[in-house]
Amino acid sequence: MSEFLKYGYFCILSLASMALPKNIHIRFLLFSLAIAVLIGLLSLVFPFLIHAKIWNIYFFLMFFSFLISLLNGFLLKSFSENFFQIMVLAMILRFIGTLVFIGIAVWPSMENIILFIADFFIIFLCYLVFDIYTFLSNLRPISK
């Protein structure tokens, strides 16, 4: 077991020293892959914390967040003067989409609804933090 921990520690150190790619789509793919690995590990170690429909949640949020970021990027490039309205539109679309998904998923009397919603919002917050991080990293070159 100690060899496994040493190897894991080495992998974490080597990943931490790597520079992130500049392309936002590759960053998104790497982030989504990291979330999938984390979900897989948590489902093995703590199966009582992971809902049975976790992969439905994951793939919905991955696809939906990618679409929102594409729309957001396109609108910001086309209409940069309407920055605030575009950001509010992205938040509203994200909120409505999540409510619709939760409503459709929970409606047919799902088991363990609280765990489903908790897992959903944890992954949702991860993608929201990633979106805020990319947004702030794109502001730095503009402000110079």
N, C-alpha and C. Protein backbone atom coordinates (compact mmCIF):
# COMPACT_ATOMS: atom_id res chain seq x y z
N MET A 1 0.83 -1.19 0.00
CA MET A 1 0.00 0.00 0.00
C MET A 1 0.88 1.26 0.00
N SER A 2 2.02 1.22 0.66
CA SER A 2 2.87 2.41 0.73
C SER A 2 3.45 2.74 -0.64
N GLU A 3 3.72 1.72 -1.47
CA GLU A 3 4.20 1.97 -2.84
C GLU A 3 3.14 2.69 -3.65
N PHE A 4 1.88 2.30 -3.45
CA PHE A 4 0.78 2.94 -4.16
C PHE A 4 0.68 4.42 -3.76
N LEU A 5 0.84 4.71 -2.47
CA LEU A 5 0.77 6.09 -2.00
C LEU A 5 1.94 6.91 -2.53
N LYS A 6 3.14 6.31 -2.58
CA LYS A 6 4.30 7.03 -3.13
C LYS A 6 4.09 7.34 -4.60
N TYR A 7 3.55 6.37 -5.35
CA TYR A 7 3.30 6.59 -6.77
C TYR A 7 2.23 7.67 -6.97
N GLY A 8 1.19 7.63 -6.15
CA GLY A 8 0.13 8.65 -6.24
C GLY A 8 0.67 10.04 -5.92
N TYR A 9 1.54 10.11 -4.90
CA TYR A 9 2.14 11.39 -4.54
C TYR A 9 3.02 11.90 -5.68
N PHE A 10 3.78 11.01 -6.32
CA PHE A 10 4.62 11.40 -7.45
C PHE A 10 3.77 11.90 -8.61
N CYS A 11 2.65 11.22 -8.87
CA CYS A 11 1.76 11.65 -9.97
C CYS A 11 1.17 13.02 -9.69
N ILE A 12 0.79 13.26 -8.46
CA ILE A 12 0.22 14.57 -8.10
C ILE A 12 1.26 15.66 -8.25
N LEU A 13 2.49 15.41 -7.81
CA LEU A 13 3.56 16.41 -7.95
C LEU A 13 3.88 16.68 -9.42
N SER A 14 3.91 15.64 -10.24
CA SER A 14 4.22 15.86 -11.65
C SER A 14 3.09 16.59 -12.36
N LEU A 15 1.84 16.34 -11.97
CA LEU A 15 0.72 17.07 -12.56
C LEU A 15 0.70 18.52 -12.11
N ALA A 16 1.09 18.76 -10.86
CA ALA A 16 1.09 20.13 -10.36
C ALA A 16 2.15 20.98 -11.03
N SER A 17 3.23 20.37 -11.47
CA SER A 17 4.30 21.15 -12.10
C SER A 17 4.04 21.41 -13.58
N MET A 18 3.06 20.74 -14.17
CA MET A 18 2.75 20.94 -15.58
C MET A 18 1.97 22.23 -15.77
N ALA A 19 2.21 22.91 -16.87
CA ALA A 19 1.45 24.11 -17.19
C ALA A 19 0.16 23.71 -17.87
N LEU A 20 -0.90 24.44 -17.57
CA LEU A 20 -2.18 24.17 -18.21
C LEU A 20 -2.14 24.61 -19.66
N PRO A 21 -2.82 23.89 -20.53
CA PRO A 21 -2.85 24.32 -21.93
C PRO A 21 -3.62 25.62 -22.08
N LYS A 22 -3.30 26.37 -23.13
CA LYS A 22 -3.94 27.66 -23.35
C LYS A 22 -5.35 27.51 -23.91
N ASN A 23 -5.61 26.45 -24.67
CA ASN A 23 -6.91 26.26 -25.29
C ASN A 23 -7.96 25.94 -24.23
N ILE A 24 -9.04 26.70 -24.23
CA ILE A 24 -10.08 26.54 -23.21
C ILE A 24 -10.80 25.21 -23.37
N HIS A 25 -10.92 24.71 -24.59
CA HIS A 25 -11.61 23.44 -24.80
C HIS A 25 -10.81 22.28 -24.23
N ILE A 26 -9.49 22.34 -24.35
CA ILE A 26 -8.65 21.29 -23.78
C ILE A 26 -8.68 21.38 -22.26
N ARG A 27 -8.68 22.59 -21.72
CA ARG A 27 -8.81 22.76 -20.26
C ARG A 27 -10.12 22.17 -19.77
N PHE A 28 -11.20 22.45 -20.52
CA PHE A 28 -12.51 21.93 -20.14
C PHE A 28 -12.51 20.40 -20.17
N LEU A 29 -11.90 19.83 -21.21
CA LEU A 29 -11.83 18.37 -21.31
C LEU A 29 -11.03 17.78 -20.16
N LEU A 30 -9.89 18.39 -19.83
CA LEU A 30 -9.08 17.90 -18.70
C LEU A 30 -9.82 18.03 -17.38
N PHE A 31 -10.52 19.14 -17.20
CA PHE A 31 -11.30 19.34 -15.98
C PHE A 31 -12.41 18.30 -15.88
N SER A 32 -13.11 18.06 -16.99
CA SER A 32 -14.18 17.07 -16.99
C SER A 32 -13.64 15.67 -16.72
N LEU A 33 -12.49 15.38 -17.26
CA LEU A 33 -11.86 14.09 -17.00
C LEU A 33 -11.49 13.95 -15.52
N ALA A 34 -10.98 15.02 -14.93
CA ALA A 34 -10.64 14.99 -13.51
C ALA A 34 -11.89 14.78 -12.65
N ILE A 35 -12.98 15.43 -13.01
CA ILE A 35 -14.24 15.24 -12.27
C ILE A 35 -14.72 13.80 -12.41
N ALA A 36 -14.61 13.22 -13.62
CA ALA A 36 -15.04 11.84 -13.83
C ALA A 36 -14.20 10.87 -12.99
N VAL A 37 -12.89 11.10 -12.95
CA VAL A 37 -12.02 10.25 -12.14
C VAL A 37 -12.38 10.38 -10.66
N LEU A 38 -12.63 11.60 -10.22
CA LEU A 38 -13.02 11.82 -8.82
C LEU A 38 -14.34 11.13 -8.50
N ILE A 39 -15.30 11.21 -9.40
CA ILE A 39 -16.57 10.51 -9.19
C ILE A 39 -16.35 9.00 -9.12
N GLY A 40 -15.52 8.49 -10.03
CA GLY A 40 -15.24 7.05 -10.02
C GLY A 40 -14.58 6.61 -8.73
N LEU A 41 -13.60 7.38 -8.27
CA LEU A 41 -12.93 7.03 -7.02
C LEU A 41 -13.87 7.11 -5.82
N LEU A 42 -14.68 8.16 -5.78
CA LEU A 42 -15.61 8.29 -4.66
C LEU A 42 -16.67 7.19 -4.68
N SER A 43 -17.08 6.76 -5.87
CA SER A 43 -18.07 5.68 -5.93
C SER A 43 -17.48 4.35 -5.48
N LEU A 44 -16.15 4.20 -5.60
CA LEU A 44 -15.51 2.98 -5.11
C LEU A 44 -15.26 3.04 -3.60
N VAL A 45 -14.82 4.20 -3.12
CA VAL A 45 -14.46 4.33 -1.71
C VAL A 45 -15.68 4.59 -0.83
N PHE A 46 -16.55 5.51 -1.26
CA PHE A 46 -17.74 5.88 -0.49
C PHE A 46 -19.00 5.70 -1.35
N PRO A 47 -19.43 4.47 -1.60
CA PRO A 47 -20.58 4.28 -2.49
C PRO A 47 -21.89 4.84 -1.94
N PHE A 48 -21.98 5.04 -0.63
CA PHE A 48 -23.20 5.57 -0.04
C PHE A 48 -23.35 7.08 -0.30
N LEU A 49 -22.28 7.75 -0.74
CA LEU A 49 -22.34 9.18 -1.04
C LEU A 49 -22.70 9.48 -2.50
N ILE A 50 -22.69 8.47 -3.33
CA ILE A 50 -22.88 8.65 -4.76
C ILE A 50 -24.21 8.05 -5.17
N HIS A 51 -25.04 8.85 -5.83
CA HIS A 51 -26.35 8.40 -6.31
C HIS A 51 -26.17 7.47 -7.51
N ALA A 52 -27.14 6.62 -7.73
CA ALA A 52 -27.07 5.66 -8.84
C ALA A 52 -27.07 6.36 -10.20
N LYS A 53 -27.66 7.53 -10.28
CA LYS A 53 -27.72 8.26 -11.55
C LYS A 53 -26.66 9.35 -11.65
N ILE A 54 -25.53 9.14 -11.01
CA ILE A 54 -24.47 10.16 -11.00
C ILE A 54 -23.92 10.41 -12.40
N TRP A 55 -23.85 9.38 -13.22
CA TRP A 55 -23.28 9.57 -14.56
C TRP A 55 -24.24 10.35 -15.45
N ASN A 56 -25.56 10.22 -15.22
CA ASN A 56 -26.51 11.06 -15.95
C ASN A 56 -26.29 12.53 -15.57
N ILE A 57 -26.09 12.78 -14.29
CA ILE A 57 -25.83 14.13 -13.82
C ILE A 57 -24.54 14.66 -14.44
N TYR A 58 -23.50 13.86 -14.38
CA TYR A 58 -22.19 14.27 -14.88
C TYR A 58 -22.24 14.63 -16.37
N PHE A 59 -22.80 13.73 -17.18
CA PHE A 59 -22.82 13.99 -18.61
C PHE A 59 -23.73 15.16 -18.98
N PHE A 60 -24.85 15.33 -18.26
CA PHE A 60 -25.70 16.49 -18.52
C PHE A 60 -24.94 17.77 -18.21
N LEU A 61 -24.33 17.85 -17.04
CA LEU A 61 -23.63 19.07 -16.66
C LEU A 61 -22.42 19.35 -17.54
N MET A 62 -21.72 18.30 -17.95
CA MET A 62 -20.58 18.49 -18.84
C MET A 62 -21.05 19.06 -20.18
N PHE A 63 -22.06 18.45 -20.77
CA PHE A 63 -22.56 18.90 -22.06
C PHE A 63 -23.17 20.30 -21.96
N PHE A 64 -23.98 20.52 -20.93
CA PHE A 64 -24.66 21.81 -20.77
C PHE A 64 -23.66 22.93 -20.48
N SER A 65 -22.68 22.67 -19.64
CA SER A 65 -21.68 23.70 -19.34
C SER A 65 -20.85 24.03 -20.57
N PHE A 66 -20.54 23.01 -21.37
CA PHE A 66 -19.79 23.26 -22.60
C PHE A 66 -20.60 24.12 -23.56
N LEU A 67 -21.89 23.82 -23.70
CA LEU A 67 -22.73 24.63 -24.58
C LEU A 67 -22.86 26.07 -24.09
N ILE A 68 -23.03 26.24 -22.80
CA ILE A 68 -23.14 27.59 -22.24
C ILE A 68 -21.84 28.36 -22.44
N SER A 69 -20.71 27.70 -22.25
CA SER A 69 -19.43 28.41 -22.44
C SER A 69 -19.20 28.76 -23.91
N LEU A 70 -19.62 27.88 -24.84
CA LEU A 70 -19.51 28.21 -26.26
C LEU A 70 -20.39 29.41 -26.61
N LEU A 71 -21.62 29.39 -26.12
CA LEU A 71 -22.54 30.51 -26.38
C LEU A 71 -22.00 31.79 -25.77
N ASN A 72 -21.52 31.69 -24.55
CA ASN A 72 -20.97 32.85 -23.85
C ASN A 72 -19.77 33.43 -24.61
N GLY A 73 -18.86 32.57 -25.04
CA GLY A 73 -17.69 33.04 -25.78
C GLY A 73 -18.07 33.69 -27.10
N PHE A 74 -19.01 33.08 -27.81
CA PHE A 74 -19.45 33.64 -29.08
C PHE A 74 -20.10 35.01 -28.89
N LEU A 75 -20.99 35.11 -27.91
CA LEU A 75 -21.67 36.39 -27.68
C LEU A 75 -20.71 37.46 -27.18
N LEU A 76 -19.74 37.09 -26.36
CA LEU A 76 -18.78 38.09 -25.88
C LEU A 76 -17.89 38.59 -27.00
N LYS A 77 -17.54 37.72 -27.95
CA LYS A 77 -16.75 38.17 -29.09
C LYS A 77 -17.56 39.05 -30.02
N SER A 78 -18.83 38.73 -30.19
CA SER A 78 -19.67 39.47 -31.12
C SER A 78 -20.18 40.78 -30.54
N PHE A 79 -20.54 40.76 -29.27
CA PHE A 79 -21.15 41.94 -28.63
C PHE A 79 -20.43 42.24 -27.32
N SER A 80 -19.18 42.64 -27.40
CA SER A 80 -18.39 42.85 -26.19
C SER A 80 -18.91 44.01 -25.34
N GLU A 81 -19.64 44.93 -25.93
CA GLU A 81 -20.16 46.06 -25.15
C GLU A 81 -21.32 45.65 -24.24
N ASN A 82 -21.94 44.51 -24.49
CA ASN A 82 -23.05 44.02 -23.67
C ASN A 82 -22.58 42.95 -22.69
N PHE A 83 -21.45 43.17 -22.08
CA PHE A 83 -20.82 42.18 -21.22
C PHE A 83 -21.73 41.73 -20.08
N PHE A 84 -22.29 42.67 -19.36
CA PHE A 84 -23.12 42.33 -18.20
C PHE A 84 -24.35 41.53 -18.61
N GLN A 85 -25.02 41.94 -19.67
CA GLN A 85 -26.22 41.24 -20.13
C GLN A 85 -25.90 39.81 -20.57
N ILE A 86 -24.76 39.63 -21.20
CA ILE A 86 -24.37 38.29 -21.65
C ILE A 86 -24.09 37.38 -20.45
N MET A 87 -23.42 37.91 -19.45
CA MET A 87 -23.13 37.11 -18.26
C MET A 87 -24.40 36.75 -17.50
N VAL A 88 -25.34 37.69 -17.42
CA VAL A 88 -26.62 37.42 -16.76
C VAL A 88 -27.41 36.38 -17.56
N LEU A 89 -27.37 36.49 -18.89
CA LEU A 89 -28.05 35.50 -19.73
C LEU A 89 -27.48 34.10 -19.49
N ALA A 90 -26.17 33.99 -19.39
CA ALA A 90 -25.54 32.69 -19.14
C ALA A 90 -25.98 32.13 -17.79
N MET A 91 -26.05 32.98 -16.76
CA MET A 91 -26.49 32.51 -15.45
C MET A 91 -27.95 32.06 -15.48
N ILE A 92 -28.79 32.82 -16.17
CA ILE A 92 -30.22 32.47 -16.25
C ILE A 92 -30.40 31.16 -17.01
N LEU A 93 -29.71 31.01 -18.13
CA LEU A 93 -29.81 29.76 -18.90
C LEU A 93 -29.32 28.56 -18.09
N ARG A 94 -28.23 28.75 -17.37
CA ARG A 94 -27.71 27.67 -16.53
C ARG A 94 -28.71 27.30 -15.44
N PHE A 95 -29.31 28.30 -14.82
CA PHE A 95 -30.29 28.06 -13.75
C PHE A 95 -31.53 27.35 -14.29
N ILE A 96 -32.07 27.82 -15.40
CA ILE A 96 -33.27 27.21 -15.98
C ILE A 96 -32.97 25.78 -16.43
N GLY A 97 -31.83 25.58 -17.07
CA GLY A 97 -31.46 24.23 -17.51
C GLY A 97 -31.34 23.25 -16.37
N THR A 98 -30.74 23.68 -15.27
CA THR A 98 -30.60 22.78 -14.12
C THR A 98 -31.94 22.48 -13.48
N LEU A 99 -32.82 23.48 -13.41
CA LEU A 99 -34.15 23.23 -12.84
C LEU A 99 -34.94 22.26 -13.70
N VAL A 100 -34.84 22.41 -15.02
CA VAL A 100 -35.55 21.50 -15.92
C VAL A 100 -35.00 20.08 -15.77
N PHE A 101 -33.69 19.93 -15.73
CA PHE A 101 -33.10 18.59 -15.57
C PHE A 101 -33.51 17.96 -14.25
N ILE A 102 -33.42 18.70 -13.17
CA ILE A 102 -33.81 18.15 -11.87
C ILE A 102 -35.29 17.80 -11.86
N GLY A 103 -36.12 18.68 -12.44
CA GLY A 103 -37.55 18.40 -12.50
C GLY A 103 -37.87 17.15 -13.27
N ILE A 104 -37.24 16.97 -14.43
CA ILE A 104 -37.49 15.78 -15.24
C ILE A 104 -36.94 14.53 -14.56
N ALA A 105 -35.79 14.62 -13.93
CA ALA A 105 -35.17 13.45 -13.31
C ALA A 105 -35.90 13.04 -12.03
N VAL A 106 -36.39 13.99 -11.27
CA VAL A 106 -36.99 13.69 -9.97
C VAL A 106 -38.48 13.37 -10.10
N TRP A 107 -39.12 13.86 -11.13
CA TRP A 107 -40.57 13.72 -11.27
C TRP A 107 -41.06 12.28 -11.16
N PRO A 108 -40.46 11.32 -11.87
CA PRO A 108 -41.03 9.96 -11.80
C PRO A 108 -40.67 9.20 -10.52
N SER A 109 -40.86 9.83 -9.38
CA SER A 109 -40.65 9.24 -8.05
C SER A 109 -39.32 8.53 -7.90
N MET A 110 -38.27 9.32 -7.94
CA MET A 110 -36.91 8.80 -7.80
C MET A 110 -36.63 8.45 -6.35
N GLU A 111 -35.80 7.43 -6.17
CA GLU A 111 -35.36 7.07 -4.83
C GLU A 111 -34.23 7.99 -4.39
N ASN A 112 -34.20 8.32 -3.13
CA ASN A 112 -33.12 9.10 -2.52
C ASN A 112 -32.90 10.44 -3.23
N ILE A 113 -33.92 11.24 -3.23
CA ILE A 113 -33.92 12.52 -3.94
C ILE A 113 -32.89 13.48 -3.35
N ILE A 114 -32.76 13.50 -2.05
CA ILE A 114 -31.82 14.42 -1.40
C ILE A 114 -30.39 14.12 -1.85
N LEU A 115 -30.00 12.87 -1.92
CA LEU A 115 -28.66 12.50 -2.38
C LEU A 115 -28.47 12.90 -3.84
N PHE A 116 -29.50 12.72 -4.66
CA PHE A 116 -29.44 13.11 -6.08
C PHE A 116 -29.19 14.61 -6.20
N ILE A 117 -29.94 15.40 -5.47
CA ILE A 117 -29.81 16.86 -5.56
C ILE A 117 -28.47 17.31 -4.97
N ALA A 118 -28.02 16.68 -3.90
CA ALA A 118 -26.72 17.03 -3.31
C ALA A 118 -25.59 16.72 -4.29
N ASP A 119 -25.62 15.53 -4.90
CA ASP A 119 -24.59 15.18 -5.90
C ASP A 119 -24.65 16.12 -7.10
N PHE A 120 -25.86 16.46 -7.51
CA PHE A 120 -26.03 17.35 -8.65
C PHE A 120 -25.38 18.71 -8.37
N PHE A 121 -25.68 19.28 -7.23
CA PHE A 121 -25.17 20.62 -6.95
C PHE A 121 -23.68 20.64 -6.63
N ILE A 122 -23.13 19.56 -6.16
CA ILE A 122 -21.67 19.51 -5.96
C ILE A 122 -20.97 19.55 -7.31
N ILE A 123 -21.45 18.74 -8.26
CA ILE A 123 -20.85 18.77 -9.60
C ILE A 123 -21.15 20.09 -10.29
N PHE A 124 -22.36 20.62 -10.09
CA PHE A 124 -22.74 21.91 -10.66
C PHE A 124 -21.80 23.00 -10.16
N LEU A 125 -21.50 23.00 -8.88
CA LEU A 125 -20.61 24.02 -8.32
C LEU A 125 -19.18 23.86 -8.84
N CYS A 126 -18.76 22.63 -9.08
CA CYS A 126 -17.43 22.43 -9.67
C CYS A 126 -17.35 23.06 -11.05
N TYR A 127 -18.35 22.83 -11.87
CA TYR A 127 -18.36 23.43 -13.21
C TYR A 127 -18.53 24.95 -13.14
N LEU A 128 -19.27 25.43 -12.17
CA LEU A 128 -19.44 26.87 -12.01
C LEU A 128 -18.12 27.52 -11.60
N VAL A 129 -17.39 26.90 -10.70
CA VAL A 129 -16.07 27.41 -10.30
C VAL A 129 -15.12 27.41 -11.49
N PHE A 130 -15.16 26.35 -12.31
CA PHE A 130 -14.32 26.32 -13.51
C PHE A 130 -14.70 27.44 -14.46
N ASP A 131 -15.98 27.69 -14.61
CA ASP A 131 -16.44 28.76 -15.49
C ASP A 131 -15.97 30.13 -14.97
N ILE A 132 -16.06 30.34 -13.68
CA ILE A 132 -15.60 31.61 -13.09
C ILE A 132 -14.09 31.75 -13.24
N TYR A 133 -13.36 30.65 -13.05
CA TYR A 133 -11.90 30.69 -13.21
C TYR A 133 -11.52 31.07 -14.64
N THR A 134 -12.14 30.44 -15.62
CA THR A 134 -11.81 30.77 -17.01
C THR A 134 -12.23 32.19 -17.35
N PHE A 135 -13.33 32.63 -16.78
CA PHE A 135 -13.78 34.00 -17.00
C PHE A 135 -12.77 35.00 -16.46
N LEU A 136 -12.29 34.76 -15.24
CA LEU A 136 -11.31 35.67 -14.65
C LEU A 136 -9.96 35.61 -15.35
N SER A 137 -9.58 34.42 -15.81
CA SER A 137 -8.31 34.33 -16.53
C SER A 137 -8.38 35.02 -17.88
N ASN A 138 -9.56 35.11 -18.47
CA ASN A 138 -9.71 35.84 -19.72
C ASN A 138 -9.78 37.35 -19.49
N LEU A 139 -10.10 37.77 -18.29
CA LEU A 139 -10.14 39.21 -18.00
C LEU A 139 -8.75 39.81 -17.86
N ARG A 140 -7.81 39.03 -17.38
CA ARG A 140 -6.46 39.58 -17.17
C ARG A 140 -5.83 40.13 -18.44
N PRO A 141 -5.86 39.42 -19.57
CA PRO A 141 -5.26 40.01 -20.78
C PRO A 141 -6.02 41.25 -21.27
N ILE A 142 -7.31 41.31 -21.02
CA ILE A 142 -8.09 42.47 -21.46
C ILE A 142 -7.75 43.70 -20.64
N SER A 143 -7.50 43.52 -19.34
CA SER A 143 -7.28 44.65 -18.45
C SER A 143 -5.90 45.29 -18.63
N LYS A 144 -4.96 44.61 -19.28
CA LYS A 144 -3.60 45.16 -19.44
C LYS A 144 -3.53 46.19 -20.53
